[in-house]
Amino acid sequence: MNEHDLAQLSELLARADRVAPLVDVFYGDTDRMTIGLRHDVDDNHDAWNSALAMARWEHAHGYRSTYYFLPTAGYWGSLMAEGLREIAWLGHEIGYHNNALAEARRTGEDPFALLAESLEELRQWSGEPVISTAAHGDEDCRPGGFVNYQLFTEADSEYVRRTFTSPADLGIVPRSIREFGFEFQGDWLNRPHYLSDSGGSWEKYSTTPTLEAVLSEYPYVRGQLIALVHPDWWPVELFALAKAAA
């Protein structure tokens, strides 16, 4: 992503009355003039530093969002603690980016044990309750015919049963998200309008509109916009340039 992308994103967010984390959306802030903003912090180059820079940039503009952190990423470790607490202090929600099923299939470990251990780490390092999770699209998911949220009983739906390998064939007995202290799954929230930069491009996935298309219509007459922005694709330098230009 580049300066033009940041300028467009800035224009979009500025049109909203509020830019809010998904926990606010879950608790009822579903107004069409509120943009629900989510970040999946994956494992691309400098993802951790980009997430910190983005969180600070958002705070400077009065925006709040949700950051989902990935236990299998290279940045994961106790050195995250100071940054996590800063992100929370800036008003953002700390969430858990679930990759436990994919990792367990690679290592032969118990996915629920992997989830519980890394989730407890995230809670300790951040000092936050971490009540929200979102599934990571691991590189092994599509060829394996599964998604990470199949660990949870709440994922049981006709779509999941029709589309993915069954839990029995995956060797798991799903458990409720509430057993782990989660209150909701971010990617299951109702999203009448959706925007994503997955793959590092607004255009890569045809299931979501381009940012240009969203800008041409927002604010929508009906329904809320939920946006997924991956810090991985946004170089730290972009936010330094934006600060210098302000």
C-alpha atoms as a PDB file:
ATOM      1  CA  MET A   1       0.000   0.000   0.000  1.00  0.00           C
ATOM      2  CA  ASN A   2       1.169   3.559  -0.657  1.00  0.00           C
ATOM      3  CA  GLU A   3       0.503   7.236   0.089  1.00  0.00           C
ATOM      4  CA  HIS A   4      -2.479   7.272  -2.271  1.00  0.00           C
ATOM      5  CA  ASP A   5      -4.048   4.329  -0.429  1.00  0.00           C
ATOM      6  CA  LEU A   6      -3.562   6.055   2.922  1.00  0.00           C
ATOM      7  CA  ALA A   7      -5.061   9.265   1.586  1.00  0.00           C
ATOM      8  CA  GLN A   8      -8.126   7.378   0.376  1.00  0.00           C
ATOM      9  CA  LEU A   9      -8.471   5.485   3.649  1.00  0.00           C
ATOM     10  CA  SER A  10      -8.154   8.788   5.538  1.00  0.00           C
ATOM     11  CA  GLU A  11     -10.919  10.303   3.413  1.00  0.00           C
ATOM     12  CA  LEU A  12     -13.218   7.365   4.101  1.00  0.00           C
ATOM     13  CA  LEU A  13     -12.668   7.303   7.862  1.00  0.00           C
ATOM     14  CA  ALA A  14     -13.107  11.074   8.094  1.00  0.00           C
ATOM     15  CA  ARG A  15     -16.630  10.772   6.676  1.00  0.00           C
ATOM     16  CA  ALA A  16     -17.815   8.652   9.616  1.00  0.00           C
ATOM     17  CA  ASP A  17     -19.185  10.072  12.845  1.00  0.00           C
ATOM     18  CA  ARG A  18     -17.232   7.404  14.696  1.00  0.00           C
ATOM     19  CA  VAL A  19     -14.565   4.837  13.865  1.00  0.00           C
ATOM     20  CA  ALA A  20     -14.959   2.109  16.458  1.00  0.00           C
ATOM     21  CA  PRO A  21     -13.484  -1.233  17.504  1.00  0.00           C
ATOM     22  CA  LEU A  22     -15.524  -4.358  16.907  1.00  0.00           C
ATOM     23  CA  VAL A  23     -16.308  -4.714  20.600  1.00  0.00           C
ATOM     24  CA  ASP A  24     -18.400  -1.541  20.306  1.00  0.00           C
ATOM     25  CA  VAL A  25     -20.170  -2.972  17.259  1.00  0.00           C
ATOM     26  CA  PHE A  26     -20.834  -6.215  19.167  1.00  0.00           C
ATOM     27  CA  TYR A  27     -22.364  -4.257  22.036  1.00  0.00           C
ATOM     28  CA  GLY A  28     -24.707  -2.385  19.720  1.00  0.00           C
ATOM     29  CA  ASP A  29     -22.951   0.494  17.948  1.00  0.00           C
ATOM     30  CA  THR A  30     -24.278  -0.493  14.530  1.00  0.00           C
ATOM     31  CA  ASP A  31     -25.196   2.970  13.300  1.00  0.00           C
ATOM     32  CA  ARG A  32     -24.566   3.514   9.601  1.00  0.00           C
ATOM     33  CA  MET A  33     -22.354   6.488  10.481  1.00  0.00           C
ATOM     34  CA  THR A  34     -20.054   4.310  12.599  1.00  0.00           C
ATOM     35  CA  ILE A  35     -17.319   2.419  10.753  1.00  0.00           C
ATOM     36  CA  GLY A  36     -16.273  -0.752  12.531  1.00  0.00           C
ATOM     37  CA  LEU A  37     -12.510  -1.058  12.004  1.00  0.00           C
ATOM     38  CA  ARG A  38     -10.542  -4.285  12.384  1.00  0.00           C
ATOM     39  CA  HIS A  39      -6.871  -5.116  11.873  1.00  0.00           C
ATOM     40  CA  ASP A  40      -5.448  -8.621  11.442  1.00  0.00           C
ATOM     41  CA  VAL A  41      -1.757  -8.361  12.330  1.00  0.00           C
ATOM     42  CA  ASP A  42      -0.304 -11.235  10.328  1.00  0.00           C
ATOM     43  CA  ASP A  43       3.290 -12.307   9.776  1.00  0.00           C
ATOM     44  CA  ASN A  44       4.499 -10.293   6.832  1.00  0.00           C
ATOM     45  CA  HIS A  45       7.565  -8.061   6.990  1.00  0.00           C
ATOM     46  CA  ASP A  46       7.569  -5.589   9.902  1.00  0.00           C
ATOM     47  CA  ALA A  47       3.908  -6.290  10.746  1.00  0.00           C
ATOM     48  CA  TRP A  48       4.397  -5.511  14.439  1.00  0.00           C
ATOM     49  CA  ASN A  49       5.999  -2.106  13.880  1.00  0.00           C
ATOM     50  CA  SER A  50       3.403  -1.217  11.248  1.00  0.00           C
ATOM     51  CA  ALA A  51       0.639  -2.098  13.703  1.00  0.00           C
ATOM     52  CA  LEU A  52       2.137   0.204  16.331  1.00  0.00           C
ATOM     53  CA  ALA A  53       2.490   3.027  13.809  1.00  0.00           C
ATOM     54  CA  MET A  54      -1.075   2.547  12.579  1.00  0.00           C
ATOM     55  CA  ALA A  55      -2.471   2.477  16.127  1.00  0.00           C
ATOM     56  CA  ARG A  56      -0.733   5.769  16.921  1.00  0.00           C
ATOM     57  CA  TRP A  57      -1.888   7.350  13.661  1.00  0.00           C
ATOM     58  CA  GLU A  58      -5.493   6.326  14.358  1.00  0.00           C
ATOM     59  CA  HIS A  59      -5.350   7.715  17.879  1.00  0.00           C
ATOM     60  CA  ALA A  60      -4.052  11.035  16.569  1.00  0.00           C
ATOM     61  CA  HIS A  61      -7.155  11.220  14.353  1.00  0.00           C
ATOM     62  CA  GLY A  62      -9.602  10.178  17.083  1.00  0.00           C
ATOM     63  CA  TYR A  63     -10.187   6.679  15.719  1.00  0.00           C
ATOM     64  CA  ARG A  64     -10.423   3.443  17.682  1.00  0.00           C
ATOM     65  CA  SER A  65     -10.167  -0.068  16.258  1.00  0.00           C
ATOM     66  CA  THR A  66      -9.549  -3.746  16.997  1.00  0.00           C
ATOM     67  CA  TYR A  67      -6.109  -5.339  16.607  1.00  0.00           C
ATOM     68  CA  TYR A  68      -5.988  -9.137  16.272  1.00  0.00           C
ATOM     69  CA  PHE A  69      -2.545 -10.536  17.110  1.00  0.00           C
ATOM     70  CA  LEU A  70      -1.284 -13.835  15.675  1.00  0.00           C
ATOM     71  CA  PRO A  71       0.384 -16.370  18.005  1.00  0.00           C
ATOM     72  CA  THR A  72       2.256 -18.092  15.172  1.00  0.00           C
ATOM     73  CA  ALA A  73       3.793 -14.826  13.898  1.00  0.00           C
ATOM     74  CA  GLY A  74       7.486 -14.104  14.246  1.00  0.00           C
ATOM     75  CA  TYR A  75       6.800 -11.021  16.371  1.00  0.00           C
ATOM     76  CA  TRP A  76       4.970 -13.052  19.060  1.00  0.00           C
ATOM     77  CA  GLY A  77       6.685 -12.987  22.452  1.00  0.00           C
ATOM     78  CA  SER A  78       6.910 -11.250  25.801  1.00  0.00           C
ATOM     79  CA  LEU A  79       8.633  -8.252  24.189  1.00  0.00           C
ATOM     80  CA  MET A  80       5.186  -7.363  22.827  1.00  0.00           C
ATOM     81  CA  ALA A  81       3.967  -6.396  26.303  1.00  0.00           C
ATOM     82  CA  GLU A  82       4.907  -2.720  26.269  1.00  0.00           C
ATOM     83  CA  GLY A  83       3.514  -2.173  22.779  1.00  0.00           C
ATOM     84  CA  LEU A  84       0.296  -4.055  23.528  1.00  0.00           C
ATOM     85  CA  ARG A  85      -0.327  -1.939  26.598  1.00  0.00           C
ATOM     86  CA  GLU A  86       0.316   1.203  24.581  1.00  0.00           C
ATOM     87  CA  ILE A  87      -2.148   0.121  21.896  1.00  0.00           C
ATOM     88  CA  ALA A  88      -4.775  -0.558  24.573  1.00  0.00           C
ATOM     89  CA  TRP A  89      -4.023   2.792  26.262  1.00  0.00           C
ATOM     90  CA  LEU A  90      -4.610   4.509  22.918  1.00  0.00           C
ATOM     91  CA  GLY A  91      -8.178   3.182  23.079  1.00  0.00           C
ATOM     92  CA  HIS A  92      -7.935   0.176  20.784  1.00  0.00           C
ATOM     93  CA  GLU A  93      -9.262  -3.316  21.450  1.00  0.00           C
ATOM     94  CA  ILE A  94      -6.764  -6.176  21.766  1.00  0.00           C
ATOM     95  CA  GLY A  95      -8.003  -9.357  20.074  1.00  0.00           C
ATOM     96  CA  TYR A  96      -6.748 -12.877  19.428  1.00  0.00           C
ATOM     97  CA  HIS A  97      -6.038 -13.987  15.838  1.00  0.00           C
ATOM     98  CA  ASN A  98      -6.767 -17.695  15.994  1.00  0.00           C
ATOM     99  CA  ASN A  99      -4.472 -20.046  14.075  1.00  0.00           C
ATOM    100  CA  ALA A 100      -4.609 -22.959  16.519  1.00  0.00           C
ATOM    101  CA  LEU A 101      -6.200 -25.539  14.242  1.00  0.00           C
ATOM    102  CA  ALA A 102      -3.719 -24.965  11.405  1.00  0.00           C
ATOM    103  CA  GLU A 103      -0.757 -25.022  13.792  1.00  0.00           C
ATOM    104  CA  ALA A 104      -1.972 -28.181  15.515  1.00  0.00           C
ATOM    105  CA  ARG A 105      -2.302 -29.975  12.199  1.00  0.00           C
ATOM    106  CA  ARG A 106       1.338 -29.131  11.465  1.00  0.00           C
ATOM    107  CA  THR A 107       2.711 -30.061  14.880  1.00  0.00           C
ATOM    108  CA  GLY A 108       0.385 -32.822  16.086  1.00  0.00           C
ATOM    109  CA  GLU A 109      -0.390 -30.854  19.259  1.00  0.00           C
ATOM    110  CA  ASP A 110      -3.791 -30.282  20.849  1.00  0.00           C
ATOM    111  CA  PRO A 111      -5.285 -27.179  19.180  1.00  0.00           C
ATOM    112  CA  PHE A 112      -7.225 -26.231  22.300  1.00  0.00           C
ATOM    113  CA  ALA A 113      -4.090 -26.368  24.422  1.00  0.00           C
ATOM    114  CA  LEU A 114      -2.258 -24.197  21.888  1.00  0.00           C
ATOM    115  CA  LEU A 115      -5.122 -21.726  21.907  1.00  0.00           C
ATOM    116  CA  ALA A 116      -5.416 -21.584  25.704  1.00  0.00           C
ATOM    117  CA  GLU A 117      -1.685 -21.135  26.258  1.00  0.00           C
ATOM    118  CA  SER A 118      -1.180 -18.353  23.725  1.00  0.00           C
ATOM    119  CA  LEU A 119      -4.410 -16.624  24.728  1.00  0.00           C
ATOM    120  CA  GLU A 120      -3.263 -16.503  28.349  1.00  0.00           C
ATOM    121  CA  GLU A 121       0.037 -14.991  27.178  1.00  0.00           C
ATOM    122  CA  LEU A 122      -1.789 -12.291  25.256  1.00  0.00           C
ATOM    123  CA  ARG A 123      -3.941 -11.468  28.276  1.00  0.00           C
ATOM    124  CA  GLN A 124      -0.949 -11.289  30.579  1.00  0.00           C
ATOM    125  CA  TRP A 125       1.194  -9.179  28.236  1.00  0.00           C
ATOM    126  CA  SER A 126      -1.589  -6.739  27.342  1.00  0.00           C
ATOM    127  CA  GLY A 127      -3.353  -6.523  30.699  1.00  0.00           C
ATOM    128  CA  GLU A 128      -6.615  -6.739  28.728  1.00  0.00           C
ATOM    129  CA  PRO A 129      -9.470  -9.284  29.002  1.00  0.00           C
ATOM    130  CA  VAL A 130      -9.264 -10.188  25.256  1.00  0.00           C
ATOM    131  CA  ILE A 131     -12.899 -11.127  24.618  1.00  0.00           C
ATOM    132  CA  SER A 132     -12.749 -11.144  20.826  1.00  0.00           C
ATOM    133  CA  THR A 133     -11.212 -13.566  18.341  1.00  0.00           C
ATOM    134  CA  ALA A 134     -10.975 -13.802  14.544  1.00  0.00           C
ATOM    135  CA  ALA A 135      -9.812 -16.685  12.377  1.00  0.00           C
ATOM    136  CA  HIS A 136      -6.478 -16.446  10.556  1.00  0.00           C
ATOM    137  CA  GLY A 137      -6.432 -17.487   6.900  1.00  0.00           C
ATOM    138  CA  ASP A 138      -3.382 -19.716   7.193  1.00  0.00           C
ATOM    139  CA  GLU A 139      -1.689 -20.919   3.993  1.00  0.00           C
ATOM    140  CA  ASP A 140      -2.682 -24.493   4.892  1.00  0.00           C
ATOM    141  CA  CYS A 141      -6.392 -23.741   5.327  1.00  0.00           C
ATOM    142  CA  ARG A 142      -7.531 -23.742   1.721  1.00  0.00           C
ATOM    143  CA  PRO A 143      -5.637 -26.881   0.593  1.00  0.00           C
ATOM    144  CA  GLY A 144      -6.657 -28.574   3.859  1.00  0.00           C
ATOM    145  CA  GLY A 145     -10.321 -27.725   3.393  1.00  0.00           C
ATOM    146  CA  PHE A 146     -10.798 -26.120   6.809  1.00  0.00           C
ATOM    147  CA  VAL A 147     -10.942 -22.789   8.630  1.00  0.00           C
ATOM    148  CA  ASN A 148      -9.541 -22.064  12.051  1.00  0.00           C
ATOM    149  CA  TYR A 149     -12.892 -21.121  13.559  1.00  0.00           C
ATOM    150  CA  GLN A 150     -14.090 -24.722  13.170  1.00  0.00           C
ATOM    151  CA  LEU A 151     -12.637 -25.240  16.639  1.00  0.00           C
ATOM    152  CA  PHE A 152     -15.788 -23.611  17.976  1.00  0.00           C
ATOM    153  CA  THR A 153     -19.295 -25.045  18.257  1.00  0.00           C
ATOM    154  CA  GLU A 154     -20.707 -21.668  17.229  1.00  0.00           C
ATOM    155  CA  ALA A 155     -19.270 -22.239  13.732  1.00  0.00           C
ATOM    156  CA  ASP A 156     -21.790 -25.016  13.089  1.00  0.00           C
ATOM    157  CA  SER A 157     -23.888 -23.798  10.167  1.00  0.00           C
ATOM    158  CA  GLU A 158     -25.145 -25.120   6.867  1.00  0.00           C
ATOM    159  CA  TYR A 159     -22.482 -23.109   5.030  1.00  0.00           C
ATOM    160  CA  VAL A 160     -19.628 -24.539   7.112  1.00  0.00           C
ATOM    161  CA  ARG A 161     -20.973 -28.105   6.863  1.00  0.00           C
ATOM    162  CA  ARG A 162     -21.354 -27.766   3.093  1.00  0.00           C
ATOM    163  CA  THR A 163     -18.038 -26.049   2.404  1.00  0.00           C
ATOM    164  CA  PHE A 164     -15.410 -27.444   4.779  1.00  0.00           C
ATOM    165  CA  THR A 165     -14.065 -30.753   6.071  1.00  0.00           C
ATOM    166  CA  SER A 166     -16.113 -31.959   9.041  1.00  0.00           C
ATOM    167  CA  PRO A 167     -14.742 -31.583  12.585  1.00  0.00           C
ATOM    168  CA  ALA A 168     -14.773 -35.371  12.947  1.00  0.00           C
ATOM    169  CA  ASP A 169     -12.570 -35.744   9.880  1.00  0.00           C
ATOM    170  CA  LEU A 170     -10.328 -32.996  11.236  1.00  0.00           C
ATOM    171  CA  GLY A 171      -9.982 -34.998  14.450  1.00  0.00           C
ATOM    172  CA  ILE A 172     -11.542 -32.402  16.726  1.00  0.00           C
ATOM    173  CA  VAL A 173     -14.608 -32.054  18.934  1.00  0.00           C
ATOM    174  CA  PRO A 174     -15.530 -28.355  18.800  1.00  0.00           C
ATOM    175  CA  ARG A 175     -15.890 -26.350  21.997  1.00  0.00           C
ATOM    176  CA  SER A 176     -17.684 -23.079  22.710  1.00  0.00           C
ATOM    177  CA  ILE A 177     -15.814 -19.807  22.355  1.00  0.00           C
ATOM    178  CA  ARG A 178     -17.111 -18.929  25.819  1.00  0.00           C
ATOM    179  CA  GLU A 179     -15.010 -21.700  27.384  1.00  0.00           C
ATOM    180  CA  PHE A 180     -12.021 -19.542  26.522  1.00  0.00           C
ATOM    181  CA  GLY A 181     -13.504 -16.260  27.732  1.00  0.00           C
ATOM    182  CA  PHE A 182     -14.417 -14.980  24.276  1.00  0.00           C
ATOM    183  CA  GLU A 183     -17.697 -13.141  23.862  1.00  0.00           C
ATOM    184  CA  PHE A 184     -17.701 -12.944  20.085  1.00  0.00           C
ATOM    185  CA  GLN A 185     -15.920 -13.843  16.853  1.00  0.00           C
ATOM    186  CA  GLY A 186     -15.067 -10.712  14.905  1.00  0.00           C
ATOM    187  CA  ASP A 187     -15.534 -12.267  11.480  1.00  0.00           C
ATOM    188  CA  TRP A 188     -19.058 -13.430  12.382  1.00  0.00           C
ATOM    189  CA  LEU A 189     -20.443  -9.985  13.109  1.00  0.00           C
ATOM    190  CA  ASN A 190     -23.139  -8.753  10.794  1.00  0.00           C
ATOM    191  CA  ARG A 191     -21.512  -6.637   8.081  1.00  0.00           C
ATOM    192  CA  PRO A 192     -24.005  -5.223   5.574  1.00  0.00           C
ATOM    193  CA  HIS A 193     -21.099  -3.482   3.840  1.00  0.00           C
ATOM    194  CA  TYR A 194     -17.541  -4.794   3.897  1.00  0.00           C
ATOM    195  CA  LEU A 195     -14.156  -3.551   2.737  1.00  0.00           C
ATOM    196  CA  SER A 196     -10.851  -5.456   2.908  1.00  0.00           C
ATOM    197  CA  ASP A 197      -7.249  -5.034   1.812  1.00  0.00           C
ATOM    198  CA  SER A 198      -6.582  -8.788   2.062  1.00  0.00           C
ATOM    199  CA  GLY A 199      -3.586  -9.761  -0.036  1.00  0.00           C
ATOM    200  CA  GLY A 200      -2.319  -6.179  -0.030  1.00  0.00           C
ATOM    201  CA  SER A 201      -4.880  -4.824  -2.476  1.00  0.00           C
ATOM    202  CA  TRP A 202      -8.421  -3.459  -2.360  1.00  0.00           C
ATOM    203  CA  GLU A 203      -9.053  -5.248  -5.654  1.00  0.00           C
ATOM    204  CA  LYS A 204      -7.624  -8.727  -5.033  1.00  0.00           C
ATOM    205  CA  TYR A 205     -10.784 -10.373  -3.736  1.00  0.00           C
ATOM    206  CA  SER A 206     -13.887  -9.888  -5.834  1.00  0.00           C
ATOM    207  CA  THR A 207     -16.145 -10.583  -2.825  1.00  0.00           C
ATOM    208  CA  THR A 208     -15.432  -7.055  -1.537  1.00  0.00           C
ATOM    209  CA  PRO A 209     -15.753  -3.724  -3.366  1.00  0.00           C
ATOM    210  CA  THR A 210     -12.818  -1.526  -4.201  1.00  0.00           C
ATOM    211  CA  LEU A 211     -12.080   1.428  -1.958  1.00  0.00           C
ATOM    212  CA  GLU A 212     -12.979   3.717  -4.847  1.00  0.00           C
ATOM    213  CA  ALA A 213     -16.409   2.092  -5.025  1.00  0.00           C
ATOM    214  CA  VAL A 214     -16.930   2.472  -1.295  1.00  0.00           C
ATOM    215  CA  LEU A 215     -15.875   6.138  -1.430  1.00  0.00           C
ATOM    216  CA  SER A 216     -18.397   6.761  -4.188  1.00  0.00           C
ATOM    217  CA  GLU A 217     -21.256   5.520  -1.987  1.00  0.00           C
ATOM    218  CA  TYR A 218     -20.317   6.149   1.646  1.00  0.00           C
ATOM    219  CA  PRO A 219     -22.141   6.972   3.835  1.00  0.00           C
ATOM    220  CA  TYR A 220     -24.532   4.222   2.851  1.00  0.00           C
ATOM    221  CA  VAL A 221     -28.248   4.812   3.132  1.00  0.00           C
ATOM    222  CA  ARG A 222     -28.702   1.527   4.996  1.00  0.00           C
ATOM    223  CA  GLY A 223     -26.304  -0.642   6.949  1.00  0.00           C
ATOM    224  CA  GLN A 224     -22.949  -0.304   8.589  1.00  0.00           C
ATOM    225  CA  LEU A 225     -19.533  -0.545   6.967  1.00  0.00           C
ATOM    226  CA  ILE A 226     -16.997  -2.927   8.519  1.00  0.00           C
ATOM    227  CA  ALA A 227     -13.422  -2.488   7.267  1.00  0.00           C
ATOM    228  CA  LEU A 228     -10.536  -4.949   7.577  1.00  0.00           C
ATOM    229  CA  VAL A 229      -7.103  -3.355   7.173  1.00  0.00           C
ATOM    230  CA  HIS A 230      -3.910  -5.412   7.549  1.00  0.00           C
ATOM    231  CA  PRO A 231      -1.004  -3.372   8.989  1.00  0.00           C
ATOM    232  CA  ASP A 232       1.339  -5.836   7.240  1.00  0.00           C
ATOM    233  CA  TRP A 233       0.730  -4.149   3.898  1.00  0.00           C
ATOM    234  CA  TRP A 234       1.240  -0.590   5.186  1.00  0.00           C
ATOM    235  CA  PRO A 235       4.906   0.432   5.589  1.00  0.00           C
ATOM    236  CA  VAL A 236       5.813   2.256   8.788  1.00  0.00           C
ATOM    237  CA  GLU A 237       7.201   5.089   6.667  1.00  0.00           C
ATOM    238  CA  LEU A 238       3.715   5.919   5.373  1.00  0.00           C
ATOM    239  CA  PHE A 239       2.580   7.080   8.797  1.00  0.00           C
ATOM    240  CA  ALA A 240       5.733   9.149   9.302  1.00  0.00           C
ATOM    241  CA  LEU A 241       5.032  10.882   5.983  1.00  0.00           C
ATOM    242  CA  ALA A 242       1.416  11.474   6.954  1.00  0.00           C
ATOM    243  CA  LYS A 243       2.516  12.990  10.268  1.00  0.00           C
ATOM    244  CA  ALA A 244       5.013  15.269   8.551  1.00  0.00           C
ATOM    245  CA  ALA A 245       2.363  16.455   6.104  1.00  0.00           C
ATOM    246  CA  ALA A 246      -0.208  17.200   8.832  1.00  0.00           C
END
